[in-house]
PDB file of N, CA and C in Angstrom:
ATOM      1  N   UNK A   1     154.564-228.659 -31.919  1.00  0.00           N
ATOM      2  CA  UNK A   1     154.370-227.272 -31.565  1.00  0.00           C
ATOM      3  C   UNK A   1     152.881-226.962 -31.345  1.00  0.00           C
ATOM      4  N   UNK A   2     152.020-227.381 -32.278  1.00  0.00           N
ATOM      5  CA  UNK A   2     150.585-227.138 -32.162  1.00  0.00           C
ATOM      6  C   UNK A   2     150.022-227.903 -30.965  1.00  0.00           C
ATOM      7  N   UNK A   3     150.500-229.138 -30.795  1.00  0.00           N
ATOM      8  CA  UNK A   3     150.031-229.929 -29.653  1.00  0.00           C
ATOM      9  C   UNK A   3     150.379-229.232 -28.337  1.00  0.00           C
ATOM     10  N   UNK A   4     151.558-228.655 -28.273  1.00  0.00           N
ATOM     11  CA  UNK A   4     151.992-227.940 -27.073  1.00  0.00           C
ATOM     12  C   UNK A   4     151.120-226.699 -26.834  1.00  0.00           C
ATOM     13  N   UNK A   5     150.793-225.974 -27.897  1.00  0.00           N
ATOM     14  CA  UNK A   5     149.925-224.802 -27.781  1.00  0.00           C
ATOM     15  C   UNK A   5     148.525-225.195 -27.323  1.00  0.00           C
ATOM     16  N   UNK A   6     148.018-226.308 -27.840  1.00  0.00           N
ATOM     17  CA  UNK A   6     146.697-226.782 -27.441  1.00  0.00           C
ATOM     18  C   UNK A   6     146.677-227.181 -25.969  1.00  0.00           C
ATOM     19  N   UNK A   7     147.753-227.825 -25.523  1.00  0.00           N
ATOM     20  CA  UNK A   7     147.847-228.195 -24.111  1.00  0.00           C
ATOM     21  C   UNK A   7     147.905-226.955 -23.224  1.00  0.00           C
ATOM     22  N   UNK A   8     148.631-225.959 -23.677  1.00  0.00           N
ATOM     23  CA  UNK A   8     148.731-224.710 -22.914  1.00  0.00           C
ATOM     24  C   UNK A   8     147.370-224.011 -22.867  1.00  0.00           C
ATOM     25  N   UNK A   9     146.662-223.989 -23.984  1.00  0.00           N
ATOM     26  CA  UNK A   9     145.327-223.374 -24.025  1.00  0.00           C
ATOM     27  C   UNK A   9     144.370-224.117 -23.101  1.00  0.00           C
ATOM     28  N   UNK A  10     144.439-225.431 -23.088  1.00  0.00           N
ATOM     29  CA  UNK A  10     143.586-226.236 -22.209  1.00  0.00           C
ATOM     30  C   UNK A  10     143.895-225.947 -20.744  1.00  0.00           C
ATOM     31  N   UNK A  11     145.164-225.784 -20.437  1.00  0.00           N
ATOM     32  CA  UNK A  11     145.577-225.478 -19.066  1.00  0.00           C
ATOM     33  C   UNK A  11     145.036-224.110 -18.634  1.00  0.00           C
ATOM     34  N   UNK A  12     145.124-223.117 -19.525  1.00  0.00           N
ATOM     35  CA  UNK A  12     144.592-221.789 -19.226  1.00  0.00           C
ATOM     36  C   UNK A  12     143.085-221.871 -19.015  1.00  0.00           C
ATOM     37  N   UNK A  13     142.398-222.619 -19.875  1.00  0.00           N
ATOM     38  CA  UNK A  13     140.950-222.778 -19.748  1.00  0.00           C
ATOM     39  C   UNK A  13     140.585-223.416 -18.407  1.00  0.00           C
ATOM     40  N   UNK A  14     141.297-224.451 -18.023  1.00  0.00           N
ATOM     41  CA  UNK A  14     141.041-225.118 -16.748  1.00  0.00           C
ATOM     42  C   UNK A  14     141.266-224.163 -15.571  1.00  0.00           C
ATOM     43  N   UNK A  15     142.341-223.367 -15.650  1.00  0.00           N
ATOM     44  CA  UNK A  15     142.628-222.397 -14.589  1.00  0.00           C
ATOM     45  C   UNK A  15     141.533-221.338 -14.493  1.00  0.00           C
ATOM     46  N   UNK A  16     141.057-220.868 -15.628  1.00  0.00           N
ATOM     47  CA  UNK A  16     140.001-219.854 -15.646  1.00  0.00           C
ATOM     48  C   UNK A  16     138.725-220.433 -15.050  1.00  0.00           C
ATOM     49  N   UNK A  17     138.358-221.634 -15.450  1.00  0.00           N
ATOM     50  CA  UNK A  17     137.139-222.261 -14.918  1.00  0.00           C
ATOM     51  C   UNK A  17     137.234-222.477 -13.412  1.00  0.00           C
ATOM     52  N   UNK A  18     138.369-222.918 -12.943  1.00  0.00           N
ATOM     53  CA  UNK A  18     138.554-223.116 -11.504  1.00  0.00           C
ATOM     54  C   UNK A  18     138.499-221.772 -10.774  1.00  0.00           C
ATOM     55  N   UNK A  19     139.092-220.757 -11.372  1.00  0.00           N
ATOM     56  CA  UNK A  19     139.060-219.421 -10.780  1.00  0.00           C
ATOM     57  C   UNK A  19     137.651-218.862 -10.697  1.00  0.00           C
ATOM     58  N   UNK A  20     136.871-219.044 -11.747  1.00  0.00           N
ATOM     59  CA  UNK A  20     135.489-218.573 -11.761  1.00  0.00           C
ATOM     60  C   UNK A  20     134.676-219.283 -10.681  1.00  0.00           C
ATOM     61  N   UNK A  21     134.864-220.572 -10.540  1.00  0.00           N
ATOM     62  CA  UNK A  21     134.125-221.331  -9.526  1.00  0.00           C
ATOM     63  C   UNK A  21     134.508-220.873  -8.115  1.00  0.00           C
ATOM     64  N   UNK A  22     135.780-220.621  -7.896  1.00  0.00           N
ATOM     65  CA  UNK A  22     136.243-220.144  -6.594  1.00  0.00           C
ATOM     66  C   UNK A  22     135.636-218.780  -6.276  1.00  0.00           C
ATOM     67  N   UNK A  23     135.641-217.892  -7.267  1.00  0.00           N
ATOM     68  CA  UNK A  23     135.052-216.567  -7.072  1.00  0.00           C
ATOM     69  C   UNK A  23     133.570-216.697  -6.736  1.00  0.00           C
ATOM     70  N   UNK A  24     132.849-217.525  -7.482  1.00  0.00           N
ATOM     71  CA  UNK A  24     131.413-217.677  -7.227  1.00  0.00           C
ATOM     72  C   UNK A  24     131.152-218.212  -5.819  1.00  0.00           C
ATOM     73  N   UNK A  25     131.931-219.180  -5.396  1.00  0.00           N
ATOM     74  CA  UNK A  25     131.777-219.717  -4.037  1.00  0.00           C
ATOM     75  C   UNK A  25     132.034-218.637  -2.989  1.00  0.00           C
ATOM     76  N   UNK A  26     133.048-217.819  -3.214  1.00  0.00           N
ATOM     77  CA  UNK A  26     133.354-216.744  -2.273  1.00  0.00           C
ATOM     78  C   UNK A  26     132.255-215.686  -2.252  1.00  0.00           C
ATOM     79  N   UNK A  27     131.678-215.382  -3.409  1.00  0.00           N
ATOM     80  CA  UNK A  27     130.601-214.392  -3.481  1.00  0.00           C
ATOM     81  C   UNK A  27     129.370-214.865  -2.716  1.00  0.00           C
ATOM     82  N   UNK A  28     129.116-216.153  -2.759  1.00  0.00           N
ATOM     83  CA  UNK A  28     127.964-216.705  -2.044  1.00  0.00           C
ATOM     84  C   UNK A  28     128.125-216.588  -0.525  1.00  0.00           C
ATOM     85  N   UNK A  29     129.369-216.580  -0.050  1.00  0.00           N
ATOM     86  CA  UNK A  29     129.650-216.569   1.389  1.00  0.00           C
ATOM     87  C   UNK A  29     129.911-215.152   1.910  1.00  0.00           C
ATOM     88  N   UNK A  30     130.549-214.328   1.116  1.00  0.00           N
ATOM     89  CA  UNK A  30     130.917-212.975   1.528  1.00  0.00           C
ATOM     90  C   UNK A  30     129.671-212.120   1.735  1.00  0.00           C
ATOM     91  N   UNK A  31     129.569-211.478   2.900  1.00  0.00           N
ATOM     92  CA  UNK A  31     128.391-210.668   3.230  1.00  0.00           C
ATOM     93  C   UNK A  31     128.762-209.221   3.515  1.00  0.00           C
ATOM     94  N   UNK A  32     127.822-208.325   3.212  1.00  0.00           N
ATOM     95  CA  UNK A  32     127.958-206.900   3.525  1.00  0.00           C
ATOM     96  C   UNK A  32     126.691-206.449   4.235  1.00  0.00           C
ATOM     97  N   UNK A  33     126.771-205.286   4.884  1.00  0.00           N
ATOM     98  CA  UNK A  33     125.601-204.743   5.565  1.00  0.00           C
ATOM     99  C   UNK A  33     125.362-203.313   5.079  1.00  0.00           C
ATOM    100  N   UNK A  34     124.209-203.107   4.461  1.00  0.00           N
ATOM    101  CA  UNK A  34     123.807-201.777   4.048  1.00  0.00           C
ATOM    102  C   UNK A  34     123.013-201.123   5.153  1.00  0.00           C
ATOM    103  N   UNK A  35     123.250-199.810   5.341  1.00  0.00           N
ATOM    104  CA  UNK A  35     122.582-199.093   6.438  1.00  0.00           C
ATOM    105  C   UNK A  35     121.929-197.823   5.933  1.00  0.00           C
ATOM    106  N   UNK A  36     120.900-197.394   6.679  1.00  0.00           N
ATOM    107  CA  UNK A  36     120.250-196.108   6.441  1.00  0.00           C
ATOM    108  C   UNK A  36     119.748-195.572   7.771  1.00  0.00           C
ATOM    109  N   UNK A  37     119.492-194.280   7.811  1.00  0.00           N
ATOM    110  CA  UNK A  37     118.987-193.636   9.031  1.00  0.00           C
ATOM    111  C   UNK A  37     119.867-193.944  10.237  1.00  0.00           C
ATOM    112  N   UNK A  38     121.169-193.749  10.062  1.00  0.00           N
ATOM    113  CA  UNK A  38     122.147-193.970  11.148  1.00  0.00           C
ATOM    114  C   UNK A  38     122.038-195.373  11.743  1.00  0.00           C
ATOM    115  N   UNK A  39     121.749-196.349  10.898  1.00  0.00           N
ATOM    116  CA  UNK A  39     121.689-197.739  11.351  1.00  0.00           C
ATOM    117  C   UNK A  39     120.318-198.197  11.801  1.00  0.00           C
ATOM    118  N   UNK A  40     119.305-197.336  11.688  1.00  0.00           N
ATOM    119  CA  UNK A  40     117.947-197.742  12.078  1.00  0.00           C
ATOM    120  C   UNK A  40     117.395-198.809  11.137  1.00  0.00           C
ATOM    121  N   UNK A  41     117.885-198.812   9.896  1.00  0.00           N
ATOM    122  CA  UNK A  41     117.499-199.829   8.922  1.00  0.00           C
ATOM    123  C   UNK A  41     118.778-200.465   8.402  1.00  0.00           C
ATOM    124  N   UNK A  42     118.870-201.793   8.524  1.00  0.00           N
ATOM    125  CA  UNK A  42     120.056-202.533   8.061  1.00  0.00           C
ATOM    126  C   UNK A  42     119.605-203.703   7.195  1.00  0.00           C
ATOM    127  N   UNK A  43     120.341-203.911   6.121  1.00  0.00           N
ATOM    128  CA  UNK A  43     120.103-205.044   5.226  1.00  0.00           C
ATOM    129  C   UNK A  43     121.419-205.792   5.080  1.00  0.00           C
ATOM    130  N   UNK A  44     121.427-207.067   5.402  1.00  0.00           N
ATOM    131  CA  UNK A  44     122.600-207.914   5.177  1.00  0.00           C
ATOM    132  C   UNK A  44     122.376-208.672   3.881  1.00  0.00           C
ATOM    133  N   UNK A  45     123.385-208.631   3.005  1.00  0.00           N
ATOM    134  CA  UNK A  45     123.283-209.230   1.680  1.00  0.00           C
ATOM    135  C   UNK A  45     124.589-209.954   1.373  1.00  0.00           C
ATOM    136  N   UNK A  46     124.486-211.117   0.693  1.00  0.00           N
ATOM    137  CA  UNK A  46     125.733-211.737   0.253  1.00  0.00           C
ATOM    138  C   UNK A  46     126.132-211.086  -1.069  1.00  0.00           C
ATOM    139  N   UNK A  47     127.340-211.342  -1.504  1.00  0.00           N
ATOM    140  CA  UNK A  47     127.845-210.670  -2.697  1.00  0.00           C
ATOM    141  C   UNK A  47     127.394-211.338  -3.993  1.00  0.00           C
ATOM    142  N   UNK A  48     126.441-212.250  -3.878  1.00  0.00           N
ATOM    143  CA  UNK A  48     125.704-212.745  -5.038  1.00  0.00           C
ATOM    144  C   UNK A  48     124.355-212.031  -5.107  1.00  0.00           C
ATOM    145  N   UNK A  49     124.236-210.951  -4.346  1.00  0.00           N
ATOM    146  CA  UNK A  49     123.063-210.077  -4.307  1.00  0.00           C
ATOM    147  C   UNK A  49     121.814-210.741  -3.742  1.00  0.00           C
ATOM    148  N   UNK A  50     121.991-211.646  -2.811  1.00  0.00           N
ATOM    149  CA  UNK A  50     120.856-212.263  -2.138  1.00  0.00           C
ATOM    150  C   UNK A  50     120.723-211.637  -0.752  1.00  0.00           C
ATOM    151  N   UNK A  51     119.539-211.065  -0.466  1.00  0.00           N
ATOM    152  CA  UNK A  51     119.296-210.491   0.857  1.00  0.00           C
ATOM    153  C   UNK A  51     119.235-211.626   1.874  1.00  0.00           C
ATOM    154  N   UNK A  52     119.947-211.463   2.981  1.00  0.00           N
ATOM    155  CA  UNK A  52     120.068-212.512   3.987  1.00  0.00           C
ATOM    156  C   UNK A  52     119.253-212.173   5.238  1.00  0.00           C
ATOM    157  N   UNK A  53     119.295-210.896   5.634  1.00  0.00           N
ATOM    158  CA  UNK A  53     118.721-210.524   6.917  1.00  0.00           C
ATOM    159  C   UNK A  53     118.368-209.038   6.919  1.00  0.00           C
ATOM    160  N   UNK A  54     117.356-208.680   7.695  1.00  0.00           N
ATOM    161  CA  UNK A  54     117.035-207.279   7.935  1.00  0.00           C
ATOM    162  C   UNK A  54     117.078-207.021   9.431  1.00  0.00           C
ATOM    163  N   UNK A  55     117.388-205.800   9.781  1.00  0.00           N
ATOM    164  CA  UNK A  55     117.342-205.350  11.173  1.00  0.00           C
ATOM    165  C   UNK A  55     116.756-203.945  11.136  1.00  0.00           C
ATOM    166  N   UNK A  56     115.525-203.807  11.624  1.00  0.00           N
ATOM    167  CA  UNK A  56     114.800-202.549  11.508  1.00  0.00           C
ATOM    168  C   UNK A  56     114.360-202.081  12.888  1.00  0.00           C
ATOM    169  N   UNK A  57     114.714-200.846  13.208  1.00  0.00           N
ATOM    170  CA  UNK A  57     114.284-200.223  14.462  1.00  0.00           C
ATOM    171  C   UNK A  57     112.785-199.950  14.339  1.00  0.00           C
ATOM    172  N   UNK A  58     111.970-200.501  15.257  1.00  0.00           N
ATOM    173  CA  UNK A  58     110.512-200.311  15.171  1.00  0.00           C
ATOM    174  C   UNK A  58     110.076-198.854  15.165  1.00  0.00           C
ATOM    175  N   UNK A  59     110.871-197.960  15.715  1.00  0.00           N
ATOM    176  CA  UNK A  59     110.507-196.546  15.774  1.00  0.00           C
ATOM    177  C   UNK A  59     110.366-195.926  14.385  1.00  0.00           C
ATOM    178  N   UNK A  60     111.096-196.454  13.405  1.00  0.00           N
ATOM    179  CA  UNK A  60     111.068-195.866  12.059  1.00  0.00           C
ATOM    180  C   UNK A  60     109.860-196.344  11.249  1.00  0.00           C
ATOM    181  N   UNK A  61     109.239-197.417  11.662  1.00  0.00           N
ATOM    182  CA  UNK A  61     108.145-198.008  10.893  1.00  0.00           C
ATOM    183  C   UNK A  61     106.903-197.112  10.888  1.00  0.00           C
ATOM    184  N   UNK A  62     106.729-196.278  11.899  1.00  0.00           N
ATOM    185  CA  UNK A  62     105.553-195.417  11.992  1.00  0.00           C
ATOM    186  C   UNK A  62     105.401-194.434  10.845  1.00  0.00           C
ATOM    187  N   UNK A  63     106.505-193.981  10.278  1.00  0.00           N
ATOM    188  CA  UNK A  63     106.477-193.036   9.157  1.00  0.00           C
ATOM    189  C   UNK A  63     106.717-193.825   7.867  1.00  0.00           C
ATOM    190  N   UNK A  64     105.631-194.174   7.183  1.00  0.00           N
ATOM    191  CA  UNK A  64     105.696-195.065   6.021  1.00  0.00           C
ATOM    192  C   UNK A  64     106.664-194.557   4.952  1.00  0.00           C
ATOM    193  N   UNK A  65     106.565-193.281   4.598  1.00  0.00           N
ATOM    194  CA  UNK A  65     107.423-192.744   3.538  1.00  0.00           C
ATOM    195  C   UNK A  65     108.893-192.772   3.939  1.00  0.00           C
ATOM    196  N   UNK A  66     109.166-192.389   5.169  1.00  0.00           N
ATOM    197  CA  UNK A  66     110.551-192.397   5.660  1.00  0.00           C
ATOM    198  C   UNK A  66     111.083-193.829   5.721  1.00  0.00           C
ATOM    199  N   UNK A  67     110.240-194.747   6.177  1.00  0.00           N
ATOM    200  CA  UNK A  67     110.643-196.150   6.261  1.00  0.00           C
ATOM    201  C   UNK A  67     110.953-196.705   4.876  1.00  0.00           C
ATOM    202  N   UNK A  68     110.071-196.456   3.906  1.00  0.00           N
ATOM    203  CA  UNK A  68     110.292-196.956   2.546  1.00  0.00           C
ATOM    204  C   UNK A  68     111.567-196.376   1.942  1.00  0.00           C
ATOM    205  N   UNK A  69     111.770-195.076   2.124  1.00  0.00           N
ATOM    206  CA  UNK A  69     112.980-194.438   1.601  1.00  0.00           C
ATOM    207  C   UNK A  69     114.232-195.013   2.266  1.00  0.00           C
ATOM    208  N   UNK A  70     114.154-195.240   3.565  1.00  0.00           N
ATOM    209  CA  UNK A  70     115.299-195.797   4.301  1.00  0.00           C
ATOM    210  C   UNK A  70     115.591-197.225   3.874  1.00  0.00           C
ATOM    211  N   UNK A  71     114.548-197.991   3.638  1.00  0.00           N
ATOM    212  CA  UNK A  71     114.723-199.368   3.192  1.00  0.00           C
ATOM    213  C   UNK A  71     115.440-199.404   1.836  1.00  0.00           C
ATOM    214  N   UNK A  72     114.993-198.555   0.925  1.00  0.00           N
ATOM    215  CA  UNK A  72     115.646-198.478  -0.385  1.00  0.00           C
ATOM    216  C   UNK A  72     117.100-198.021  -0.264  1.00  0.00           C
ATOM    217  N   UNK A  73     117.333-197.056   0.602  1.00  0.00           N
ATOM    218  CA  UNK A  73     118.694-196.561   0.813  1.00  0.00           C
ATOM    219  C   UNK A  73     119.602-197.670   1.349  1.00  0.00           C
ATOM    220  N   UNK A  74     119.110-198.456   2.290  1.00  0.00           N
ATOM    221  CA  UNK A  74     119.899-199.555   2.856  1.00  0.00           C
ATOM    222  C   UNK A  74     120.179-200.629   1.806  1.00  0.00           C
ATOM    223  N   UNK A  75     119.186-200.934   0.988  1.00  0.00           N
ATOM    224  CA  UNK A  75     119.382-201.922  -0.084  1.00  0.00           C
ATOM    225  C   UNK A  75     120.424-201.415  -1.080  1.00  0.00           C
ATOM    226  N   UNK A  76     120.310-200.152  -1.464  1.00  0.00           N
ATOM    227  CA  UNK A  76     121.270-199.585  -2.411  1.00  0.00           C
ATOM    228  C   UNK A  76     122.673-199.519  -1.820  1.00  0.00           C
ATOM    229  N   UNK A  77     122.768-199.239  -0.533  1.00  0.00           N
ATOM    230  CA  UNK A  77     124.066-199.220   0.141  1.00  0.00           C
ATOM    231  C   UNK A  77     124.698-200.614   0.117  1.00  0.00           C
ATOM    232  N   UNK A  78     123.905-201.626   0.443  1.00  0.00           N
ATOM    233  CA  UNK A  78     124.413-203.005   0.425  1.00  0.00           C
ATOM    234  C   UNK A  78     124.824-203.407  -0.993  1.00  0.00           C
ATOM    235  N   UNK A  79     124.015-203.045  -1.975  1.00  0.00           N
ATOM    236  CA  UNK A  79     124.331-203.380  -3.365  1.00  0.00           C
ATOM    237  C   UNK A  79     125.640-202.728  -3.797  1.00  0.00           C
ATOM    238  N   UNK A  80     125.820-201.472  -3.440  1.00  0.00           N
ATOM    239  CA  UNK A  80     127.054-200.757  -3.774  1.00  0.00           C
ATOM    240  C   UNK A  80     128.269-201.421  -3.130  1.00  0.00           C
ATOM    241  N   UNK A  81     128.129-201.812  -1.875  1.00  0.00           N
ATOM    242  CA  UNK A  81     129.228-202.502  -1.197  1.00  0.00           C
ATOM    243  C   UNK A  81     129.537-203.842  -1.868  1.00  0.00           C
ATOM    244  N   UNK A  82     128.486-204.552  -2.289  1.00  0.00           N
ATOM    245  CA  UNK A  82     128.676-205.828  -2.993  1.00  0.00           C
ATOM    246  C   UNK A  82     129.465-205.619  -4.277  1.00  0.00           C
ATOM    247  N   UNK A  83     129.107-204.590  -5.011  1.00  0.00           N
ATOM    248  CA  UNK A  83     129.792-204.313  -6.274  1.00  0.00           C
ATOM    249  C   UNK A  83     131.283-204.080  -6.040  1.00  0.00           C
ATOM    250  N   UNK A  84     131.621-203.333  -5.002  1.00  0.00           N
ATOM    251  CA  UNK A  84     133.023-203.064  -4.678  1.00  0.00           C
ATOM    252  C   UNK A  84     133.744-204.345  -4.279  1.00  0.00           C
ATOM    253  N   UNK A  85     133.109-205.147  -3.426  1.00  0.00           N
ATOM    254  CA  UNK A  85     133.720-206.410  -2.988  1.00  0.00           C
ATOM    255  C   UNK A  85     133.918-207.359  -4.168  1.00  0.00           C
ATOM    256  N   UNK A  86     132.923-207.426  -5.048  1.00  0.00           N
ATOM    257  CA  UNK A  86     133.014-208.293  -6.226  1.00  0.00           C
ATOM    258  C   UNK A  86     134.193-207.873  -7.101  1.00  0.00           C
ATOM    259  N   UNK A  87     134.342-206.574  -7.320  1.00  0.00           N
ATOM    260  CA  UNK A  87     135.445-206.053  -8.136  1.00  0.00           C
ATOM    261  C   UNK A  87     136.789-206.435  -7.532  1.00  0.00           C
ATOM    262  N   UNK A  88     136.914-206.259  -6.199  1.00  0.00           N
ATOM    263  CA  UNK A  88     138.157-206.619  -5.510  1.00  0.00           C
ATOM    264  C   UNK A  88     138.451-208.112  -5.649  1.00  0.00           C
ATOM    265  N   UNK A  89     137.425-208.924  -5.443  1.00  0.00           N
ATOM    266  CA  UNK A  89     137.595-210.371  -5.503  1.00  0.00           C
ATOM    267  C   UNK A  89     137.969-210.826  -6.915  1.00  0.00           C
ATOM    268  N   UNK A  90     137.312-210.263  -7.918  1.00  0.00           N
ATOM    269  CA  UNK A  90     137.593-210.656  -9.301  1.00  0.00           C
ATOM    270  C   UNK A  90     138.976-210.204  -9.739  1.00  0.00           C
ATOM    271  N   UNK A  91     139.372-209.021  -9.315  1.00  0.00           N
ATOM    272  CA  UNK A  91     140.715-208.530  -9.653  1.00  0.00           C
ATOM    273  C   UNK A  91     141.770-209.434  -9.031  1.00  0.00           C
ATOM    274  N   UNK A  92     141.549-209.786  -7.778  1.00  0.00           N
ATOM    275  CA  UNK A  92     142.483-210.673  -7.086  1.00  0.00           C
ATOM    276  C   UNK A  92     142.543-212.045  -7.754  1.00  0.00           C
ATOM    277  N   UNK A  93     141.380-212.574  -8.119  1.00  0.00           N
ATOM    278  CA  UNK A  93     141.340-213.900  -8.754  1.00  0.00           C
ATOM    279  C   UNK A  93     142.010-213.871 -10.128  1.00  0.00           C
ATOM    280  N   UNK A  94     141.804-212.813 -10.886  1.00  0.00           N
ATOM    281  CA  UNK A  94     142.393-212.717 -12.221  1.00  0.00           C
ATOM    282  C   UNK A  94     143.918-212.665 -12.144  1.00  0.00           C
ATOM    283  N   UNK A  95     144.445-212.017 -11.104  1.00  0.00           N
ATOM    284  CA  UNK A  95     145.898-211.951 -10.933  1.00  0.00           C
ATOM    285  C   UNK A  95     146.488-213.336 -10.676  1.00  0.00           C
ATOM    286  N   UNK A  96     145.688-214.203 -10.055  1.00  0.00           N
ATOM    287  CA  UNK A  96     146.175-215.528  -9.707  1.00  0.00           C
ATOM    288  C   UNK A  96     146.088-216.551 -10.825  1.00  0.00           C
ATOM    289  N   UNK A  97     145.473-216.185 -11.933  1.00  0.00           N
ATOM    290  CA  UNK A  97     145.332-217.142 -13.025  1.00  0.00           C
ATOM    291  C   UNK A  97     146.605-217.183 -13.860  1.00  0.00           C
ATOM    292  N   UNK A  98     147.170-218.353 -13.943  1.00  0.00           N
ATOM    293  CA  UNK A  98     148.415-218.544 -14.674  1.00  0.00           C
ATOM    294  C   UNK A  98     148.138-218.552 -16.173  1.00  0.00           C
ATOM    295  N   UNK A  99     148.980-217.860 -16.908  1.00  0.00           N
ATOM    296  CA  UNK A  99     148.884-217.899 -18.349  1.00  0.00           C
ATOM    297  C   UNK A  99     148.095-216.753 -18.962  1.00  0.00           C
ATOM    298  N   UNK A 100     147.513-215.902 -18.147  1.00  0.00           N
ATOM    299  CA  UNK A 100     146.779-214.759 -18.702  1.00  0.00           C
ATOM    300  C   UNK A 100     147.698-213.553 -18.754  1.00  0.00           C
ATOM    301  N   UNK A 101     147.613-212.795 -19.842  1.00  0.00           N
ATOM    302  CA  UNK A 101     148.446-211.594 -19.925  1.00  0.00           C
ATOM    303  C   UNK A 101     147.982-210.546 -18.912  1.00  0.00           C
ATOM    304  N   UNK A 102     148.878-209.701 -18.441  1.00  0.00           N
ATOM    305  CA  UNK A 102     148.511-208.661 -17.488  1.00  0.00           C
ATOM    306  C   UNK A 102     147.435-207.739 -18.073  1.00  0.00           C
ATOM    307  N   UNK A 103     146.504-207.311 -17.203  1.00  0.00           N
ATOM    308  CA  UNK A 103     145.477-206.383 -17.627  1.00  0.00           C
ATOM    309  C   UNK A 103     144.236-207.027 -18.222  1.00  0.00           C
ATOM    310  N   UNK A 104     144.230-208.347 -18.378  1.00  0.00           N
ATOM    311  CA  UNK A 104     143.051-209.020 -18.933  1.00  0.00           C
ATOM    312  C   UNK A 104     141.956-209.033 -17.892  1.00  0.00           C
ATOM    313  N   UNK A 105     140.760-208.571 -18.282  1.00  0.00           N
ATOM    314  CA  UNK A 105     139.590-208.618 -17.392  1.00  0.00           C
ATOM    315  C   UNK A 105     138.665-209.699 -17.901  1.00  0.00           C
ATOM    316  N   UNK A 106     138.317-210.585 -17.010  1.00  0.00           N
ATOM    317  CA  UNK A 106     137.449-211.687 -17.395  1.00  0.00           C
ATOM    318  C   UNK A 106     135.995-211.382 -17.044  1.00  0.00           C
ATOM    319  N   UNK A 107     135.069-211.924 -17.796  1.00  0.00           N
ATOM    320  CA  UNK A 107     133.648-211.714 -17.488  1.00  0.00           C
ATOM    321  C   UNK A 107     133.152-212.676 -16.437  1.00  0.00           C
ATOM    322  N   UNK A 108     133.513-212.414 -15.181  1.00  0.00           N
ATOM    323  CA  UNK A 108     133.044-213.271 -14.092  1.00  0.00           C
ATOM    324  C   UNK A 108     131.580-213.053 -13.862  1.00  0.00           C
ATOM    325  N   UNK A 109     130.918-214.089 -13.331  1.00  0.00           N
ATOM    326  CA  UNK A 109     129.486-214.006 -13.019  1.00  0.00           C
ATOM    327  C   UNK A 109     129.235-213.120 -11.845  1.00  0.00           C
TER     328      UNK A 109
END
């Protein structure tokens, strides 16, 4: 009986580790685009919070304060989108893990 429980626990652990690795790989690839000033400032970021690319309309650069505020707004927009995507991905991955009780939230990276 104990041996069977230990095997089941090991299986759950293996499934969780594989699920975490899959989520991390997906986060590294999944990208979002944060925008500000009606798209004059764009930041592309992966869902591991790494900035990938910027696209900035040169017309906005002349006003330093407006440009800085827009840049921050675009970064915050991308970060917010990443957080939502991460939540969706983790919820989906947790549902796919065999042996976990319903409603369990795992501390994914």
